[in-house]
Amino acid sequence: MAKYKENLERIRRIMKDSGDQYLEFLVNQDEIERILQLQEEKNVLILGHNYMIPIVYQLSGRE
Protein backbone atom coordinates (compact mmCIF):
# COMPACT_ATOMS: atom_id res chain seq x y z
CA MET A 1 0.00 0.00 0.00
CA ALA A 2 1.29 3.48 -0.86
CA LYS A 3 2.25 5.61 2.11
CA TYR A 4 -0.33 8.27 1.22
CA LYS A 5 -3.06 5.62 1.48
CA GLU A 6 -1.77 4.63 4.92
CA ASN A 7 -1.87 8.30 5.93
CA LEU A 8 -5.42 8.64 4.59
CA GLU A 9 -6.50 5.67 6.70
CA ARG A 10 -4.73 7.13 9.75
CA ILE A 11 -6.63 10.40 9.30
CA ARG A 12 -9.89 8.48 8.81
CA ARG A 13 -9.38 6.58 12.09
CA ILE A 14 -8.60 9.79 13.98
CA MET A 15 -11.57 11.67 12.52
CA LYS A 16 -14.06 8.82 12.87
CA ASP A 17 -14.81 9.69 16.51
CA SER A 18 -15.07 13.42 15.81
CA GLY A 19 -18.70 13.72 14.65
CA ASP A 20 -19.03 16.71 12.33
CA GLN A 21 -15.31 16.68 11.59
CA TYR A 22 -15.67 13.13 10.27
CA LEU A 23 -18.47 14.28 7.97
CA GLU A 24 -16.18 17.06 6.73
CA PHE A 25 -13.50 14.43 6.10
CA LEU A 26 -15.93 12.31 4.07
CA VAL A 27 -17.00 15.30 1.96
CA ASN A 28 -13.37 16.27 1.26
CA GLN A 29 -11.87 12.79 1.08
CA ASP A 30 -10.94 12.96 -2.63
CA GLU A 31 -9.13 16.28 -2.18
CA ILE A 32 -7.38 15.04 0.96
CA GLU A 33 -6.24 11.90 -0.84
CA ARG A 34 -4.87 13.99 -3.73
CA ILE A 35 -2.99 16.28 -1.32
CA LEU A 36 -1.42 13.28 0.40
CA GLN A 37 -0.56 11.72 -2.96
CA LEU A 38 1.14 14.92 -4.14
CA GLN A 39 2.97 15.17 -0.82
CA GLU A 40 4.43 11.72 -1.44
CA GLU A 41 5.20 12.33 -5.13
CA LYS A 42 6.88 15.70 -4.57
CA ASN A 43 8.51 14.72 -1.26
CA VAL A 44 7.30 17.82 0.56
CA LEU A 45 6.43 18.64 4.14
CA ILE A 46 2.98 19.91 5.07
CA LEU A 47 3.18 22.15 8.10
CA GLY A 48 0.05 22.29 10.26
CA HIS A 49 -0.61 24.34 13.37
CA ASN A 50 -2.91 23.28 16.18
CA TYR A 51 -5.14 26.35 15.69
CA MET A 52 -6.21 25.04 12.27
CA ILE A 53 -9.33 22.99 11.82
CA PRO A 54 -8.53 19.37 12.74
CA ILE A 55 -8.80 17.99 9.22
CA VAL A 56 -6.08 20.38 7.97
CA TYR A 57 -3.94 19.78 11.04
CA GLN A 58 -4.10 16.00 10.47
CA LEU A 59 -2.68 16.43 6.95
CA SER A 60 0.62 17.51 8.46
CA GLY A 61 1.17 14.04 9.91
CA ARG A 62 3.16 13.04 12.95
CA GLU A 63 6.62 12.60 11.44
C-alpha atoms as a PDB file:
ATOM      1  CA  MET A   1       0.000   0.000   0.000  1.00  0.00           C
ATOM      2  CA  ALA A   2       1.291   3.478  -0.860  1.00  0.00           C
ATOM      3  CA  LYS A   3       2.250   5.607   2.115  1.00  0.00           C
ATOM      4  CA  TYR A   4      -0.331   8.265   1.221  1.00  0.00           C
ATOM      5  CA  LYS A   5      -3.062   5.618   1.477  1.00  0.00           C
ATOM      6  CA  GLU A   6      -1.769   4.634   4.925  1.00  0.00           C
ATOM      7  CA  ASN A   7      -1.873   8.299   5.933  1.00  0.00           C
ATOM      8  CA  LEU A   8      -5.418   8.641   4.594  1.00  0.00           C
ATOM      9  CA  GLU A   9      -6.504   5.665   6.697  1.00  0.00           C
ATOM     10  CA  ARG A  10      -4.734   7.130   9.750  1.00  0.00           C
ATOM     11  CA  ILE A  11      -6.629  10.397   9.303  1.00  0.00           C
ATOM     12  CA  ARG A  12      -9.893   8.480   8.806  1.00  0.00           C
ATOM     13  CA  ARG A  13      -9.379   6.583  12.086  1.00  0.00           C
ATOM     14  CA  ILE A  14      -8.599   9.788  13.978  1.00  0.00           C
ATOM     15  CA  MET A  15     -11.568  11.673  12.518  1.00  0.00           C
ATOM     16  CA  LYS A  16     -14.064   8.816  12.875  1.00  0.00           C
ATOM     17  CA  ASP A  17     -14.813   9.690  16.510  1.00  0.00           C
ATOM     18  CA  SER A  18     -15.073  13.418  15.811  1.00  0.00           C
ATOM     19  CA  GLY A  19     -18.696  13.720  14.651  1.00  0.00           C
ATOM     20  CA  ASP A  20     -19.028  16.709  12.327  1.00  0.00           C
ATOM     21  CA  GLN A  21     -15.308  16.679  11.590  1.00  0.00           C
ATOM     22  CA  TYR A  22     -15.665  13.133  10.271  1.00  0.00           C
ATOM     23  CA  LEU A  23     -18.467  14.279   7.974  1.00  0.00           C
ATOM     24  CA  GLU A  24     -16.183  17.057   6.735  1.00  0.00           C
ATOM     25  CA  PHE A  25     -13.504  14.434   6.102  1.00  0.00           C
ATOM     26  CA  LEU A  26     -15.927  12.314   4.073  1.00  0.00           C
ATOM     27  CA  VAL A  27     -17.004  15.301   1.964  1.00  0.00           C
ATOM     28  CA  ASN A  28     -13.372  16.272   1.261  1.00  0.00           C
ATOM     29  CA  GLN A  29     -11.867  12.786   1.081  1.00  0.00           C
ATOM     30  CA  ASP A  30     -10.945  12.958  -2.627  1.00  0.00           C
ATOM     31  CA  GLU A  31      -9.134  16.276  -2.185  1.00  0.00           C
ATOM     32  CA  ILE A  32      -7.377  15.035   0.958  1.00  0.00           C
ATOM     33  CA  GLU A  33      -6.239  11.903  -0.841  1.00  0.00           C
ATOM     34  CA  ARG A  34      -4.872  13.985  -3.731  1.00  0.00           C
ATOM     35  CA  ILE A  35      -2.990  16.283  -1.322  1.00  0.00           C
ATOM     36  CA  LEU A  36      -1.423  13.280   0.398  1.00  0.00           C
ATOM     37  CA  GLN A  37      -0.564  11.718  -2.958  1.00  0.00           C
ATOM     38  CA  LEU A  38       1.136  14.918  -4.139  1.00  0.00           C
ATOM     39  CA  GLN A  39       2.971  15.167  -0.824  1.00  0.00           C
ATOM     40  CA  GLU A  40       4.433  11.719  -1.435  1.00  0.00           C
ATOM     41  CA  GLU A  41       5.201  12.333  -5.129  1.00  0.00           C
ATOM     42  CA  LYS A  42       6.878  15.705  -4.571  1.00  0.00           C
ATOM     43  CA  ASN A  43       8.513  14.716  -1.260  1.00  0.00           C
ATOM     44  CA  VAL A  44       7.301  17.823   0.559  1.00  0.00           C
ATOM     45  CA  LEU A  45       6.426  18.638   4.142  1.00  0.00           C
ATOM     46  CA  ILE A  46       2.978  19.910   5.073  1.00  0.00           C
ATOM     47  CA  LEU A  47       3.177  22.148   8.101  1.00  0.00           C
ATOM     48  CA  GLY A  48       0.054  22.292  10.257  1.00  0.00           C
ATOM     49  CA  HIS A  49      -0.606  24.337  13.374  1.00  0.00           C
ATOM     50  CA  ASN A  50      -2.915  23.283  16.177  1.00  0.00           C
ATOM     51  CA  TYR A  51      -5.141  26.355  15.687  1.00  0.00           C
ATOM     52  CA  MET A  52      -6.207  25.039  12.275  1.00  0.00           C
ATOM     53  CA  ILE A  53      -9.329  22.987  11.823  1.00  0.00           C
ATOM     54  CA  PRO A  54      -8.530  19.372  12.742  1.00  0.00           C
ATOM     55  CA  ILE A  55      -8.801  17.990   9.225  1.00  0.00           C
ATOM     56  CA  VAL A  56      -6.084  20.376   7.967  1.00  0.00           C
ATOM     57  CA  TYR A  57      -3.939  19.779  11.037  1.00  0.00           C
ATOM     58  CA  GLN A  58      -4.099  16.004  10.472  1.00  0.00           C
ATOM     59  CA  LEU A  59      -2.684  16.426   6.954  1.00  0.00           C
ATOM     60  CA  SER A  60       0.624  17.507   8.463  1.00  0.00           C
ATOM     61  CA  GLY A  61       1.171  14.036   9.906  1.00  0.00           C
ATOM     62  CA  ARG A  62       3.158  13.044  12.947  1.00  0.00           C
ATOM     63  CA  GLU A  63       6.621  12.604  11.439  1.00  0.00           C
END
